[in-house]
């Protein structure tokens, strides 16, 4: 009985961790893209 409960709890924690990881990567990817664009604009201004 307890094993079934633990299995469900750990599966739920694993799913939440995976979702958090994916969302975190998407957020940082967008930030990186903005950083690259800002750097490109700065280089163009310098020329």
C-alpha atoms as a PDB file:
ATOM      1  CA  UNK A   1       0.000   0.000   0.000  1.00  0.00           C
ATOM      2  CA  UNK A   2       2.712   2.456   1.004  1.00  0.00           C
ATOM      3  CA  UNK A   3       4.817   1.435  -2.005  1.00  0.00           C
ATOM      4  CA  UNK A   4       2.011   2.416  -4.394  1.00  0.00           C
ATOM      5  CA  UNK A   5       1.652   5.812  -2.718  1.00  0.00           C
ATOM      6  CA  UNK A   6       5.412   6.450  -2.874  1.00  0.00           C
ATOM      7  CA  UNK A   7       5.515   5.409  -6.521  1.00  0.00           C
ATOM      8  CA  UNK A   8       2.765   7.931  -7.364  1.00  0.00           C
ATOM      9  CA  UNK A   9       4.418  10.683  -5.316  1.00  0.00           C
ATOM     10  CA  UNK A  10       7.825  10.133  -6.923  1.00  0.00           C
ATOM     11  CA  UNK A  11       6.283  10.010 -10.410  1.00  0.00           C
ATOM     12  CA  UNK A  12       4.509  13.298  -9.724  1.00  0.00           C
ATOM     13  CA  UNK A  13       7.761  14.882  -8.478  1.00  0.00           C
ATOM     14  CA  UNK A  14       9.589  13.618 -11.577  1.00  0.00           C
ATOM     15  CA  UNK A  15       6.964  15.119 -13.902  1.00  0.00           C
ATOM     16  CA  UNK A  16       7.101  18.472 -12.093  1.00  0.00           C
ATOM     17  CA  UNK A  17      10.920  18.473 -12.253  1.00  0.00           C
ATOM     18  CA  UNK A  18      10.874  17.763 -15.999  1.00  0.00           C
ATOM     19  CA  UNK A  19       8.348  20.523 -16.664  1.00  0.00           C
ATOM     20  CA  UNK A  20      10.364  22.964 -14.579  1.00  0.00           C
ATOM     21  CA  UNK A  21      13.525  22.043 -16.494  1.00  0.00           C
ATOM     22  CA  UNK A  22      11.888  22.542 -19.902  1.00  0.00           C
ATOM     23  CA  UNK A  23      10.323  25.871 -18.929  1.00  0.00           C
ATOM     24  CA  UNK A  24      13.599  27.060 -17.417  1.00  0.00           C
ATOM     25  CA  UNK A  25      15.492  26.231 -20.630  1.00  0.00           C
ATOM     26  CA  UNK A  26      12.902  28.016 -22.771  1.00  0.00           C
ATOM     27  CA  UNK A  27      13.117  31.152 -20.625  1.00  0.00           C
ATOM     28  CA  UNK A  28      16.901  31.235 -20.757  1.00  0.00           C
ATOM     29  CA  UNK A  29      16.917  30.544 -24.492  1.00  0.00           C
ATOM     30  CA  UNK A  30      14.778  33.628 -25.099  1.00  0.00           C
ATOM     31  CA  UNK A  31      17.092  35.702 -22.921  1.00  0.00           C
ATOM     32  CA  UNK A  32      20.126  34.431 -24.840  1.00  0.00           C
ATOM     33  CA  UNK A  33      18.479  35.346 -28.137  1.00  0.00           C
ATOM     34  CA  UNK A  34      17.822  38.874 -26.883  1.00  0.00           C
ATOM     35  CA  UNK A  35      21.431  39.152 -25.706  1.00  0.00           C
ATOM     36  CA  UNK A  36      22.757  38.131 -29.122  1.00  0.00           C
ATOM     37  CA  UNK A  37      20.494  40.659 -30.853  1.00  0.00           C
ATOM     38  CA  UNK A  38      21.622  43.413 -28.509  1.00  0.00           C
ATOM     39  CA  UNK A  39      25.269  42.524 -29.149  1.00  0.00           C
ATOM     40  CA  UNK A  40      24.718  42.558 -32.914  1.00  0.00           C
ATOM     41  CA  UNK A  41      23.048  45.983 -32.738  1.00  0.00           C
ATOM     42  CA  UNK A  42      25.916  47.323 -30.632  1.00  0.00           C
ATOM     43  CA  UNK A  43      28.510  46.083 -33.130  1.00  0.00           C
ATOM     44  CA  UNK A  44      26.586  47.645 -36.004  1.00  0.00           C
ATOM     45  CA  UNK A  45      26.461  50.983 -34.155  1.00  0.00           C
ATOM     46  CA  UNK A  46      30.216  50.877 -33.607  1.00  0.00           C
ATOM     47  CA  UNK A  47      30.834  50.444 -37.346  1.00  0.00           C
END
